Amino acid sequence: MIIDSHTHVGTSPGEFNKLLQEAKQNKVEHLVILAGFSKDSEFNLSTKSLLKLTIGRPKVSVVGSIG
């Protein structure tokens, strides 16, 4: 099983969808996405935002952040 972890997925649903397509093309079976730890970074999404993006996607897990 190939599991891929990302610390950033961009700030738009389009970027997230691109990540999903790349994962599919590379036969990645599960994605783990880490929520942003810095509110100043353009690449970080909040835990809440990531959870909304991943609803109904059992092959994607979110690791939250309290920062």
C-alpha atoms as a PDB file:
ATOM      1  CA  MET A   1       0.000   0.000   0.000  1.00  0.00           C
ATOM      2  CA  ILE A   2       1.291   3.455  -0.918  1.00  0.00           C
ATOM      3  CA  ILE A   3       0.468   6.210   1.574  1.00  0.00           C
ATOM      4  CA  ASP A   4       1.373   9.810   0.790  1.00  0.00           C
ATOM      5  CA  SER A   5       1.566  12.614   3.332  1.00  0.00           C
ATOM      6  CA  HIS A   6       1.274  16.312   2.494  1.00  0.00           C
ATOM      7  CA  THR A   7       1.869  19.267   4.757  1.00  0.00           C
ATOM      8  CA  HIS A   8       0.288  21.685   2.308  1.00  0.00           C
ATOM      9  CA  VAL A   9      -2.483  21.362  -0.247  1.00  0.00           C
ATOM     10  CA  GLY A  10      -2.986  24.980  -1.261  1.00  0.00           C
ATOM     11  CA  THR A  11      -5.968  27.102  -0.437  1.00  0.00           C
ATOM     12  CA  SER A  12      -8.459  26.225  -3.141  1.00  0.00           C
ATOM     13  CA  PRO A  13     -10.579  23.165  -3.892  1.00  0.00           C
ATOM     14  CA  GLY A  14      -8.968  23.080  -7.353  1.00  0.00           C
ATOM     15  CA  GLU A  15      -5.545  22.489  -5.842  1.00  0.00           C
ATOM     16  CA  PHE A  16      -6.953  19.738  -3.631  1.00  0.00           C
ATOM     17  CA  ASN A  17      -8.575  18.075  -6.646  1.00  0.00           C
ATOM     18  CA  LYS A  18      -5.248  18.242  -8.495  1.00  0.00           C
ATOM     19  CA  LEU A  19      -3.608  16.452  -5.565  1.00  0.00           C
ATOM     20  CA  LEU A  20      -6.291  13.738  -5.724  1.00  0.00           C
ATOM     21  CA  GLN A  21      -5.699  13.263  -9.457  1.00  0.00           C
ATOM     22  CA  GLU A  22      -1.932  13.038  -8.993  1.00  0.00           C
ATOM     23  CA  ALA A  23      -2.414  10.488  -6.240  1.00  0.00           C
ATOM     24  CA  LYS A  24      -4.643   8.399  -8.487  1.00  0.00           C
ATOM     25  CA  GLN A  25      -2.164   8.571 -11.382  1.00  0.00           C
ATOM     26  CA  ASN A  26       0.644   7.428  -9.077  1.00  0.00           C
ATOM     27  CA  LYS A  27      -1.420   4.623  -7.526  1.00  0.00           C
ATOM     28  CA  VAL A  28      -1.405   6.201  -4.086  1.00  0.00           C
ATOM     29  CA  GLU A  29      -3.977   4.350  -2.001  1.00  0.00           C
ATOM     30  CA  HIS A  30      -4.280   6.765   0.913  1.00  0.00           C
ATOM     31  CA  LEU A  31      -3.492  10.438   1.528  1.00  0.00           C
ATOM     32  CA  VAL A  32      -2.695  11.977   4.897  1.00  0.00           C
ATOM     33  CA  ILE A  33      -2.978  15.768   4.952  1.00  0.00           C
ATOM     34  CA  LEU A  34      -1.601  17.878   7.782  1.00  0.00           C
ATOM     35  CA  ALA A  35      -3.493  21.008   8.756  1.00  0.00           C
ATOM     36  CA  GLY A  36      -1.640  24.309   8.726  1.00  0.00           C
ATOM     37  CA  PHE A  37       0.427  25.294  11.692  1.00  0.00           C
ATOM     38  CA  SER A  38       1.061  28.860  10.538  1.00  0.00           C
ATOM     39  CA  LYS A  39      -1.819  31.185   9.792  1.00  0.00           C
ATOM     40  CA  ASP A  40       0.540  33.375   7.759  1.00  0.00           C
ATOM     41  CA  SER A  41       1.323  30.738   5.140  1.00  0.00           C
ATOM     42  CA  GLU A  42      -0.618  30.760   1.873  1.00  0.00           C
ATOM     43  CA  PHE A  43      -0.313  26.965   1.654  1.00  0.00           C
ATOM     44  CA  ASN A  44      -1.891  26.077   4.980  1.00  0.00           C
ATOM     45  CA  LEU A  45      -5.557  25.353   5.530  1.00  0.00           C
ATOM     46  CA  SER A  46      -7.191  25.060   8.930  1.00  0.00           C
ATOM     47  CA  THR A  47      -8.267  21.728  10.347  1.00  0.00           C
ATOM     48  CA  LYS A  48     -11.906  22.741   9.840  1.00  0.00           C
ATOM     49  CA  SER A  49     -11.323  23.637   6.171  1.00  0.00           C
ATOM     50  CA  LEU A  50      -9.527  20.363   5.474  1.00  0.00           C
ATOM     51  CA  LEU A  51     -12.248  18.341   7.163  1.00  0.00           C
ATOM     52  CA  LYS A  52     -14.832  20.016   4.924  1.00  0.00           C
ATOM     53  CA  LEU A  53     -12.754  19.247   1.806  1.00  0.00           C
ATOM     54  CA  THR A  54     -12.376  15.593   2.740  1.00  0.00           C
ATOM     55  CA  ILE A  55     -15.980  14.747   3.637  1.00  0.00           C
ATOM     56  CA  GLY A  56     -16.947  11.521   1.893  1.00  0.00           C
ATOM     57  CA  ARG A  57     -13.361  10.641   0.977  1.00  0.00           C
ATOM     58  CA  PRO A  58     -12.441   7.537   2.988  1.00  0.00           C
ATOM     59  CA  LYS A  59      -8.981   7.391   1.386  1.00  0.00           C
ATOM     60  CA  VAL A  60      -7.977  10.769   2.816  1.00  0.00           C
ATOM     61  CA  SER A  61      -7.116  11.421   6.476  1.00  0.00           C
ATOM     62  CA  VAL A  62      -6.569  14.782   8.151  1.00  0.00           C
ATOM     63  CA  VAL A  63      -4.137  15.449  10.985  1.00  0.00           C
ATOM     64  CA  GLY A  64      -5.370  18.506  12.848  1.00  0.00           C
ATOM     65  CA  SER A  65      -3.625  21.498  14.351  1.00  0.00           C
ATOM     66  CA  ILE A  66      -4.596  23.575  17.352  1.00  0.00           C
ATOM     67  CA  GLY A  67      -2.374  26.496  16.336  1.00  0.00           C
END
